[in-house]
Amino acid sequence: NENKFADVAYATPFYLKDYQATQP
């Protein structure tokens, strides 16, 4: 209703923190 839309091309997930892979 408020026309609060995201950009389809540039929308990215809001992770809050960078992903840190762990060594198996």
PDB file of all heavy atoms in Angstrom:
ATOM      1  N   ASN A   1       0.824  -1.214   0.000  1.00  0.00           N
ATOM      2  CA  ASN A   1       0.000   0.000   0.000  1.00  0.00           C
ATOM      3  C   ASN A   1       0.856   1.261   0.000  1.00  0.00           C
ATOM      4  O   ASN A   1       0.464   2.297  -0.533  1.00  0.00           O
ATOM      5  CB  ASN A   1      -0.926   0.006   1.208  1.00  0.00           C
ATOM      6  CG  ASN A   1      -1.985  -1.084   1.148  1.00  0.00           C
ATOM      7  OD1 ASN A   1      -2.240  -1.658   0.089  1.00  0.00           O
ATOM      8  ND2 ASN A   1      -2.589  -1.387   2.277  1.00  0.00           N
ATOM      9  N   GLU A   2       2.046   1.157   0.645  1.00  0.00           N
ATOM     10  CA  GLU A   2       2.945   2.311   0.745  1.00  0.00           C
ATOM     11  C   GLU A   2       3.983   2.351  -0.371  1.00  0.00           C
ATOM     12  O   GLU A   2       4.867   3.212  -0.359  1.00  0.00           O
ATOM     13  CB  GLU A   2       3.638   2.274   2.106  1.00  0.00           C
ATOM     14  CG  GLU A   2       2.677   2.435   3.281  1.00  0.00           C
ATOM     15  CD  GLU A   2       3.361   2.237   4.629  1.00  0.00           C
ATOM     16  OE1 GLU A   2       4.568   1.871   4.645  1.00  0.00           O
ATOM     17  OE2 GLU A   2       2.693   2.435   5.664  1.00  0.00           O
ATOM     18  N   ASN A   3       3.878   1.414  -1.332  1.00  0.00           N
ATOM     19  CA  ASN A   3       4.824   1.333  -2.450  1.00  0.00           C
ATOM     20  C   ASN A   3       6.278   1.184  -1.985  1.00  0.00           C
ATOM     21  O   ASN A   3       7.192   1.751  -2.586  1.00  0.00           O
ATOM     22  CB  ASN A   3       4.703   2.562  -3.365  1.00  0.00           C
ATOM     23  CG  ASN A   3       3.375   2.616  -4.095  1.00  0.00           C
ATOM     24  OD1 ASN A   3       2.888   1.602  -4.588  1.00  0.00           O
ATOM     25  ND2 ASN A   3       2.773   3.787  -4.149  1.00  0.00           N
ATOM     26  N   LYS A   4       6.480   0.420  -0.922  1.00  0.00           N
ATOM     27  CA  LYS A   4       7.826   0.190  -0.397  1.00  0.00           C
ATOM     28  C   LYS A   4       8.373  -1.087  -1.018  1.00  0.00           C
ATOM     29  O   LYS A   4       8.285  -2.173  -0.447  1.00  0.00           O
ATOM     30  CB  LYS A   4       7.793   0.105   1.134  1.00  0.00           C
ATOM     31  CG  LYS A   4       7.425   1.415   1.803  1.00  0.00           C
ATOM     32  CD  LYS A   4       7.266   1.274   3.309  1.00  0.00           C
ATOM     33  CE  LYS A   4       8.565   0.937   3.991  1.00  0.00           C
ATOM     34  NZ  LYS A   4       8.431   0.957   5.478  1.00  0.00           N
ATOM     35  N   PHE A   5       8.915  -0.924  -2.212  1.00  0.00           N
ATOM     36  CA  PHE A   5       9.382  -2.065  -2.992  1.00  0.00           C
ATOM     37  C   PHE A   5      10.902  -2.109  -3.046  1.00  0.00           C
ATOM     38  O   PHE A   5      11.573  -1.077  -2.963  1.00  0.00           O
ATOM     39  CB  PHE A   5       8.809  -2.007  -4.408  1.00  0.00           C
ATOM     40  CG  PHE A   5       7.296  -1.949  -4.455  1.00  0.00           C
ATOM     41  CD1 PHE A   5       6.651  -1.032  -5.274  1.00  0.00           C
ATOM     42  CD2 PHE A   5       6.542  -2.795  -3.675  1.00  0.00           C
ATOM     43  CE1 PHE A   5       5.268  -0.968  -5.314  1.00  0.00           C
ATOM     44  CE2 PHE A   5       5.146  -2.747  -3.705  1.00  0.00           C
ATOM     45  CZ  PHE A   5       4.511  -1.828  -4.531  1.00  0.00           C
ATOM     46  N   ALA A   6      11.425  -3.320  -3.189  1.00  0.00           N
ATOM     47  CA  ALA A   6      12.873  -3.507  -3.319  1.00  0.00           C
ATOM     48  C   ALA A   6      13.251  -3.534  -4.795  1.00  0.00           C
ATOM     49  O   ALA A   6      12.409  -3.780  -5.667  1.00  0.00           O
ATOM     50  CB  ALA A   6      13.293  -4.805  -2.636  1.00  0.00           C
ATOM     51  N   ASP A   7      14.519  -3.275  -5.070  1.00  0.00           N
ATOM     52  CA  ASP A   7      15.046  -3.348  -6.430  1.00  0.00           C
ATOM     53  C   ASP A   7      15.284  -4.810  -6.771  1.00  0.00           C
ATOM     54  O   ASP A   7      16.098  -5.484  -6.124  1.00  0.00           O
ATOM     55  CB  ASP A   7      16.344  -2.551  -6.528  1.00  0.00           C
ATOM     56  CG  ASP A   7      16.818  -2.400  -7.956  1.00  0.00           C
ATOM     57  OD1 ASP A   7      17.022  -3.437  -8.632  1.00  0.00           O
ATOM     58  OD2 ASP A   7      17.009  -1.250  -8.405  1.00  0.00           O
ATOM     59  N   VAL A   8      14.574  -5.312  -7.780  1.00  0.00           N
ATOM     60  CA  VAL A   8      14.677  -6.729  -8.129  1.00  0.00           C
ATOM     61  C   VAL A   8      16.103  -7.106  -8.519  1.00  0.00           C
ATOM     62  O   VAL A   8      16.583  -8.193  -8.188  1.00  0.00           O
ATOM     63  CB  VAL A   8      13.692  -7.078  -9.265  1.00  0.00           C
ATOM     64  CG1 VAL A   8      13.874  -8.524  -9.714  1.00  0.00           C
ATOM     65  CG2 VAL A   8      12.254  -6.844  -8.817  1.00  0.00           C
ATOM     66  N   ALA A   9      16.795  -6.215  -9.175  1.00  0.00           N
ATOM     67  CA  ALA A   9      18.150  -6.532  -9.644  1.00  0.00           C
ATOM     68  C   ALA A   9      19.172  -6.518  -8.524  1.00  0.00           C
ATOM     69  O   ALA A   9      20.106  -7.322  -8.515  1.00  0.00           O
ATOM     70  CB  ALA A   9      18.559  -5.550 -10.746  1.00  0.00           C
ATOM     71  N   TYR A  10      19.015  -5.605  -7.564  1.00  0.00           N
ATOM     72  CA  TYR A  10      20.085  -5.372  -6.597  1.00  0.00           C
ATOM     73  C   TYR A  10      19.763  -5.789  -5.165  1.00  0.00           C
ATOM     74  O   TYR A  10      20.609  -5.632  -4.285  1.00  0.00           O
ATOM     75  CB  TYR A  10      20.472  -3.888  -6.617  1.00  0.00           C
ATOM     76  CG  TYR A  10      21.056  -3.456  -7.938  1.00  0.00           C
ATOM     77  CD1 TYR A  10      20.301  -2.712  -8.851  1.00  0.00           C
ATOM     78  CD2 TYR A  10      22.349  -3.815  -8.295  1.00  0.00           C
ATOM     79  CE1 TYR A  10      20.835  -2.319 -10.074  1.00  0.00           C
ATOM     80  CE2 TYR A  10      22.881  -3.427  -9.513  1.00  0.00           C
ATOM     81  CZ  TYR A  10      22.125  -2.677 -10.392  1.00  0.00           C
ATOM     82  OH  TYR A  10      22.654  -2.309 -11.602  1.00  0.00           O
ATOM     83  N   ALA A  11      18.576  -6.310  -4.915  1.00  0.00           N
ATOM     84  CA  ALA A  11      18.230  -6.744  -3.560  1.00  0.00           C
ATOM     85  C   ALA A  11      19.144  -7.889  -3.113  1.00  0.00           C
ATOM     86  O   ALA A  11      19.410  -8.818  -3.878  1.00  0.00           O
ATOM     87  CB  ALA A  11      16.771  -7.191  -3.500  1.00  0.00           C
ATOM     88  N   THR A  12      19.631  -7.809  -1.893  1.00  0.00           N
ATOM     89  CA  THR A  12      20.495  -8.844  -1.326  1.00  0.00           C
ATOM     90  C   THR A  12      19.995  -9.214   0.062  1.00  0.00           C
ATOM     91  O   THR A  12      19.329  -8.410   0.728  1.00  0.00           O
ATOM     92  CB  THR A  12      21.960  -8.371  -1.218  1.00  0.00           C
ATOM     93  OG1 THR A  12      22.010  -7.187  -0.409  1.00  0.00           O
ATOM     94  CG2 THR A  12      22.544  -8.090  -2.586  1.00  0.00           C
ATOM     95  N   PRO A  13      20.320 -10.426   0.544  1.00  0.00           N
ATOM     96  CA  PRO A  13      19.900 -10.810   1.894  1.00  0.00           C
ATOM     97  C   PRO A  13      20.536  -9.917   2.950  1.00  0.00           C
ATOM     98  O   PRO A  13      21.658  -9.446   2.800  1.00  0.00           O
ATOM     99  CB  PRO A  13      20.400 -12.254   2.027  1.00  0.00           C
ATOM    100  CG  PRO A  13      20.570 -12.738   0.625  1.00  0.00           C
ATOM    101  CD  PRO A  13      20.986 -11.539  -0.161  1.00  0.00           C
ATOM    102  N   PHE A  14      19.803  -9.700   4.026  1.00  0.00           N
ATOM    103  CA  PHE A  14      20.287  -8.899   5.152  1.00  0.00           C
ATOM    104  C   PHE A  14      20.876  -9.861   6.184  1.00  0.00           C
ATOM    105  O   PHE A  14      20.197 -10.330   7.081  1.00  0.00           O
ATOM    106  CB  PHE A  14      19.134  -8.097   5.745  1.00  0.00           C
ATOM    107  CG  PHE A  14      19.518  -7.236   6.918  1.00  0.00           C
ATOM    108  CD1 PHE A  14      20.601  -6.375   6.852  1.00  0.00           C
ATOM    109  CD2 PHE A  14      18.778  -7.280   8.088  1.00  0.00           C
ATOM    110  CE1 PHE A  14      20.956  -5.577   7.937  1.00  0.00           C
ATOM    111  CE2 PHE A  14      19.118  -6.489   9.172  1.00  0.00           C
ATOM    112  CZ  PHE A  14      20.209  -5.640   9.090  1.00  0.00           C
ATOM    113  N   TYR A  15      22.174 -10.147   6.029  1.00  0.00           N
ATOM    114  CA  TYR A  15      22.802 -11.145   6.885  1.00  0.00           C
ATOM    115  C   TYR A  15      23.138 -10.610   8.274  1.00  0.00           C
ATOM    116  O   TYR A  15      23.197 -11.362   9.228  1.00  0.00           O
ATOM    117  CB  TYR A  15      24.102 -11.637   6.243  1.00  0.00           C
ATOM    118  CG  TYR A  15      23.913 -12.434   4.981  1.00  0.00           C
ATOM    119  CD1 TYR A  15      24.617 -12.119   3.826  1.00  0.00           C
ATOM    120  CD2 TYR A  15      23.046 -13.518   4.935  1.00  0.00           C
ATOM    121  CE1 TYR A  15      24.466 -12.862   2.664  1.00  0.00           C
ATOM    122  CE2 TYR A  15      22.877 -14.270   3.785  1.00  0.00           C
ATOM    123  CZ  TYR A  15      23.604 -13.929   2.642  1.00  0.00           C
ATOM    124  OH  TYR A  15      23.448 -14.670   1.503  1.00  0.00           O
ATOM    125  N   LEU A  16      23.419  -9.344   8.407  1.00  0.00           N
ATOM    126  CA  LEU A  16      23.921  -8.697   9.620  1.00  0.00           C
ATOM    127  C   LEU A  16      25.387  -8.994   9.877  1.00  0.00           C
ATOM    128  O   LEU A  16      26.129  -8.170  10.373  1.00  0.00           O
ATOM    129  CB  LEU A  16      23.099  -9.081  10.861  1.00  0.00           C
ATOM    130  CG  LEU A  16      22.008  -8.120  11.295  1.00  0.00           C
ATOM    131  CD1 LEU A  16      21.340  -8.585  12.574  1.00  0.00           C
ATOM    132  CD2 LEU A  16      22.526  -6.711  11.492  1.00  0.00           C
ATOM    133  N   LYS A  17      25.832 -10.217   9.563  1.00  0.00           N
ATOM    134  CA  LYS A  17      27.240 -10.584   9.718  1.00  0.00           C
ATOM    135  C   LYS A  17      27.697 -11.323   8.475  1.00  0.00           C
ATOM    136  O   LYS A  17      26.908 -12.008   7.831  1.00  0.00           O
ATOM    137  CB  LYS A  17      27.444 -11.501  10.935  1.00  0.00           C
ATOM    138  CG  LYS A  17      27.349 -10.826  12.282  1.00  0.00           C
ATOM    139  CD  LYS A  17      27.533 -11.823  13.403  1.00  0.00           C
ATOM    140  CE  LYS A  17      28.899 -12.486  13.335  1.00  0.00           C
ATOM    141  NZ  LYS A  17      29.101 -13.437  14.460  1.00  0.00           N
ATOM    142  N   ASP A  18      28.976 -11.185   8.149  1.00  0.00           N
ATOM    143  CA  ASP A  18      29.528 -11.935   7.035  1.00  0.00           C
ATOM    144  C   ASP A  18      29.558 -13.411   7.370  1.00  0.00           C
ATOM    145  O   ASP A  18      29.786 -13.820   8.515  1.00  0.00           O
ATOM    146  CB  ASP A  18      30.955 -11.471   6.706  1.00  0.00           C
ATOM    147  CG  ASP A  18      30.977 -10.056   6.147  1.00  0.00           C
ATOM    148  OD1 ASP A  18      29.953  -9.651   5.566  1.00  0.00           O
ATOM    149  OD2 ASP A  18      32.010  -9.385   6.309  1.00  0.00           O
ATOM    150  N   TYR A  19      29.312 -14.213   6.345  1.00  0.00           N
ATOM    151  CA  TYR A  19      29.355 -15.667   6.530  1.00  0.00           C
ATOM    152  C   TYR A  19      30.779 -16.111   6.816  1.00  0.00           C
ATOM    153  O   TYR A  19      31.731 -15.666   6.181  1.00  0.00           O
ATOM    154  CB  TYR A  19      28.849 -16.379   5.267  1.00  0.00           C
ATOM    155  CG  TYR A  19      28.957 -17.893   5.343  1.00  0.00           C
ATOM    156  CD1 TYR A  19      28.141 -18.617   6.192  1.00  0.00           C
ATOM    157  CD2 TYR A  19      29.881 -18.569   4.552  1.00  0.00           C
ATOM    158  CE1 TYR A  19      28.226 -19.998   6.253  1.00  0.00           C
ATOM    159  CE2 TYR A  19      29.965 -19.948   4.602  1.00  0.00           C
ATOM    160  CZ  TYR A  19      29.142 -20.656   5.453  1.00  0.00           C
ATOM    161  OH  TYR A  19      29.226 -22.019   5.500  1.00  0.00           O
ATOM    162  N   GLN A  20      30.923 -16.987   7.814  1.00  0.00           N
ATOM    163  CA  GLN A  20      32.228 -17.531   8.151  1.00  0.00           C
ATOM    164  C   GLN A  20      32.183 -19.043   8.023  1.00  0.00           C
ATOM    165  O   GLN A  20      31.540 -19.725   8.824  1.00  0.00           O
ATOM    166  CB  GLN A  20      32.624 -17.134   9.594  1.00  0.00           C
ATOM    167  CG  GLN A  20      32.833 -15.643   9.759  1.00  0.00           C
ATOM    168  CD  GLN A  20      33.225 -15.287  11.177  1.00  0.00           C
ATOM    169  OE1 GLN A  20      33.056 -16.059  12.110  1.00  0.00           O
ATOM    170  NE2 GLN A  20      33.781 -14.099  11.346  1.00  0.00           N
ATOM    171  N   ALA A  21      32.863 -19.541   7.006  1.00  0.00           N
ATOM    172  CA  ALA A  21      32.899 -20.990   6.805  1.00  0.00           C
ATOM    173  C   ALA A  21      33.815 -21.618   7.844  1.00  0.00           C
ATOM    174  O   ALA A  21      34.819 -21.046   8.255  1.00  0.00           O
ATOM    175  CB  ALA A  21      33.411 -21.317   5.398  1.00  0.00           C
ATOM    176  N   THR A  22      33.450 -22.816   8.289  1.00  0.00           N
ATOM    177  CA  THR A  22      34.277 -23.528   9.259  1.00  0.00           C
ATOM    178  C   THR A  22      35.007 -24.659   8.580  1.00  0.00           C
ATOM    179  O   THR A  22      34.524 -25.241   7.606  1.00  0.00           O
ATOM    180  CB  THR A  22      33.418 -24.102  10.396  1.00  0.00           C
ATOM    181  OG1 THR A  22      32.396 -24.936   9.833  1.00  0.00           O
ATOM    182  CG2 THR A  22      32.743 -22.977  11.178  1.00  0.00           C
ATOM    183  N   GLN A  23      36.189 -24.963   9.070  1.00  0.00           N
ATOM    184  CA  GLN A  23      36.991 -26.046   8.510  1.00  0.00           C
ATOM    185  C   GLN A  23      36.452 -27.377   8.994  1.00  0.00           C
ATOM    186  O   GLN A  23      36.362 -27.622  10.196  1.00  0.00           O
ATOM    187  CB  GLN A  23      38.460 -25.896   8.965  1.00  0.00           C
ATOM    188  CG  GLN A  23      39.408 -26.928   8.364  1.00  0.00           C
ATOM    189  CD  GLN A  23      39.644 -26.647   6.871  1.00  0.00           C
ATOM    190  OE1 GLN A  23      39.536 -25.519   6.423  1.00  0.00           O
ATOM    191  NE2 GLN A  23      39.936 -27.696   6.136  1.00  0.00           N
ATOM    192  N   PRO A  24      36.057 -28.268   8.085  1.00  0.00           N
ATOM    193  CA  PRO A  24      35.535 -29.567   8.542  1.00  0.00           C
ATOM    194  C   PRO A  24      36.633 -30.353   9.231  1.00  0.00           C
ATOM    195  O   PRO A  24      37.800 -30.290   8.883  1.00  0.00           O
ATOM    196  CB  PRO A  24      35.106 -30.238   7.225  1.00  0.00           C
ATOM    197  CG  PRO A  24      35.880 -29.568   6.162  1.00  0.00           C
ATOM    198  CD  PRO A  24      36.089 -28.155   6.634  1.00  0.00           C
TER     199      PRO A  24
END
